[in-house]
Protein backbone atom coordinates (compact mmCIF):
# COMPACT_ATOMS: atom_id res chain seq x y z
CA MET A 1 23.95 -0.29 12.33
CA LYS A 2 20.53 0.61 13.67
CA GLU A 3 20.53 3.90 11.78
CA ILE A 4 21.39 2.11 8.54
CA LEU A 5 18.61 -0.42 8.98
CA LEU A 6 16.10 2.37 9.83
CA GLY A 7 17.23 4.29 6.74
CA ILE A 8 16.67 1.26 4.50
CA VAL A 9 13.22 0.64 5.97
CA GLY A 10 12.35 4.35 5.66
CA PHE A 11 13.48 4.36 2.04
CA PHE A 12 11.28 1.34 1.21
CA ILE A 13 8.36 3.08 2.92
CA LEU A 14 8.74 6.33 1.03
CA VAL A 15 9.50 4.60 -2.30
CA PRO A 16 7.01 1.69 -2.33
CA PHE A 17 7.56 0.92 -6.00
CA LEU A 18 10.98 -0.47 -5.21
CA PRO A 19 9.83 -3.39 -3.00
CA MET A 20 7.18 -4.20 -5.58
CA PHE A 21 9.66 -4.39 -8.44
CA ILE A 22 12.30 -6.27 -6.39
CA SER A 23 9.76 -8.82 -5.18
CA ARG A 24 8.36 -9.24 -8.70
CA LYS A 25 11.82 -9.89 -10.14
CA ILE A 26 12.63 -12.41 -7.44
CA LEU A 27 9.20 -14.12 -7.75
CA ASN A 28 9.55 -14.31 -11.57
CA ARG A 29 12.55 -16.58 -11.09
CA PHE A 30 10.78 -18.97 -8.69
CA VAL A 31 7.17 -18.96 -9.75
CA LYS A 32 6.25 -20.41 -13.16
CA ASN A 33 3.12 -18.39 -13.62
CA LYS A 34 4.07 -14.70 -14.25
CA ARG A 35 0.58 -13.46 -13.50
CA LYS A 36 0.66 -15.12 -10.04
CA ALA A 37 4.09 -13.60 -9.42
CA LYS A 38 2.70 -10.14 -10.26
CA ARG A 39 -0.24 -10.60 -7.88
CA ILE A 40 2.01 -11.72 -5.03
CA ALA A 41 4.30 -8.73 -5.67
CA PHE A 42 1.27 -6.43 -5.45
CA GLU A 43 0.26 -8.08 -2.19
CA ILE A 44 3.79 -7.56 -0.81
CA ALA A 45 3.85 -3.90 -1.89
CA THR A 46 0.46 -2.99 -0.40
CA PRO A 47 1.72 -2.42 3.19
CA PHE A 48 4.54 -0.26 1.83
CA PHE A 49 2.02 1.89 -0.04
CA LEU A 50 -0.11 2.23 3.06
CA LEU A 51 2.87 3.26 5.17
CA ALA A 52 3.97 5.69 2.49
CA ILE A 53 0.52 7.28 2.47
CA TYR A 54 0.70 7.65 6.24
CA ALA A 55 4.20 9.18 6.01
CA LEU A 56 3.24 11.61 3.21
CA LEU A 57 0.15 12.79 5.07
CA ASP A 58 2.24 13.34 8.18
CA VAL A 59 4.92 15.29 6.29
CA ILE A 60 2.67 17.37 4.03
CA TYR A 61 -0.26 18.16 6.31
CA ASP A 62 1.05 17.15 9.76
CA VAL A 63 -1.92 14.78 10.12
CA LYS A 64 -1.65 11.38 11.76
CA ILE A 65 -4.50 9.21 10.45
CA LEU A 66 -3.21 5.69 10.80
CA TRP A 67 -6.41 4.72 12.57
CA ILE A 68 -8.50 5.97 9.66
CA ILE A 69 -6.45 3.81 7.26
CA PHE A 70 -7.02 0.76 9.44
CA LEU A 71 -10.71 1.60 9.71
CA ILE A 72 -11.05 1.83 5.91
CA ILE A 73 -9.28 -1.50 5.52
CA LEU A 74 -11.54 -3.06 8.16
CA ILE A 75 -14.69 -1.75 6.39
CA LEU A 76 -13.42 -3.13 3.09
CA ALA A 77 -12.74 -6.49 4.75
CA MET A 78 -16.27 -6.46 6.18
CA ILE A 79 -17.74 -5.77 2.77
CA THR A 80 -15.60 -8.52 1.26
CA THR A 81 -16.78 -10.96 3.98
CA VAL A 82 -20.43 -10.22 3.30
CA VAL A 83 -19.99 -10.58 -0.46
CA GLN A 84 -18.13 -13.88 -0.08
CA TRP A 85 -20.72 -15.16 2.40
CA LYS A 86 -23.59 -14.26 0.01
CA ILE A 87 -21.89 -15.93 -2.95
CA ASN A 88 -20.38 -19.09 -1.37
CA ASP A 89 -22.43 -19.53 1.84
CA GLU A 90 -19.15 -19.97 3.71
CA VAL A 91 -16.38 -17.67 4.83
CA GLN A 92 -12.70 -18.41 4.18
CA ILE A 93 -10.38 -16.09 6.06
CA LEU A 94 -7.46 -16.44 3.57
CA LYS A 95 -9.68 -15.53 0.65
CA ILE A 96 -11.07 -12.53 2.51
CA ALA A 97 -7.57 -11.31 3.33
CA ARG A 98 -6.37 -11.70 -0.26
CA SER A 99 -9.47 -10.08 -1.69
CA THR A 100 -9.17 -7.17 0.73
CA ILE A 101 -5.48 -6.69 -0.19
CA ARG A 102 -6.36 -6.81 -3.88
CA ILE A 103 -9.00 -4.13 -3.33
CA VAL A 104 -6.70 -1.96 -1.19
CA PHE A 105 -3.75 -2.02 -3.59
CA PRO A 106 -5.21 0.05 -6.44
CA ILE A 107 -6.82 2.44 -3.97
CA SER A 108 -3.54 2.98 -2.11
CA PHE A 109 -1.61 3.20 -5.36
CA PHE A 110 -3.76 6.07 -6.68
CA VAL A 111 -3.86 7.83 -3.30
CA TYR A 112 -0.02 7.60 -3.18
CA ILE A 113 0.27 9.13 -6.67
CA ILE A 114 -2.12 11.93 -5.78
CA LEU A 115 -0.31 12.67 -2.53
CA MET A 116 3.09 12.70 -4.29
CA CYS A 117 1.79 15.21 -6.86
CA ASN A 118 0.12 17.25 -4.15
CA GLY A 119 3.24 17.22 -2.02
CA LEU A 120 5.35 18.48 -4.93
CA ILE A 121 2.87 21.29 -5.60
CA VAL A 122 2.75 22.30 -1.93
CA TYR A 123 6.54 22.20 -1.73
CA TYR A 124 7.02 24.37 -4.80
CA LEU A 125 4.30 26.86 -3.73
CA ASN A 126 5.93 27.17 -0.28
CA TYR A 127 9.32 27.65 -1.94
CA ILE A 128 8.00 30.34 -4.33
CA TYR A 129 6.02 32.34 -1.73
CA LYS A 130 8.48 32.29 1.13
């Protein structure tokens, strides 16, 4: 049972589009505003994309950079905090978290796509030249 659960979690980590689409379909049934459902689905999918990036970097290049990913997210959160403080003169933690996730999602999406393409190229080149 433990292996099955780990396999399901591993699959969702390596294929982060699936949790995004599943959560969006579920949210479309319960949330009236479709745009809000899409935003929440993106927020749910962001950790899966980040874990997929970590896993791909580990598999392709044998590099473990989880701390760098957290550092980049922390720096983006700090920038978001300063911008919100300058605009509103007060800091709201929930708004900062949501803004940071909304900034991190497109970045992690494009990095994931680049790493997937790069991984396929590295795999095929290793297959051809071995």
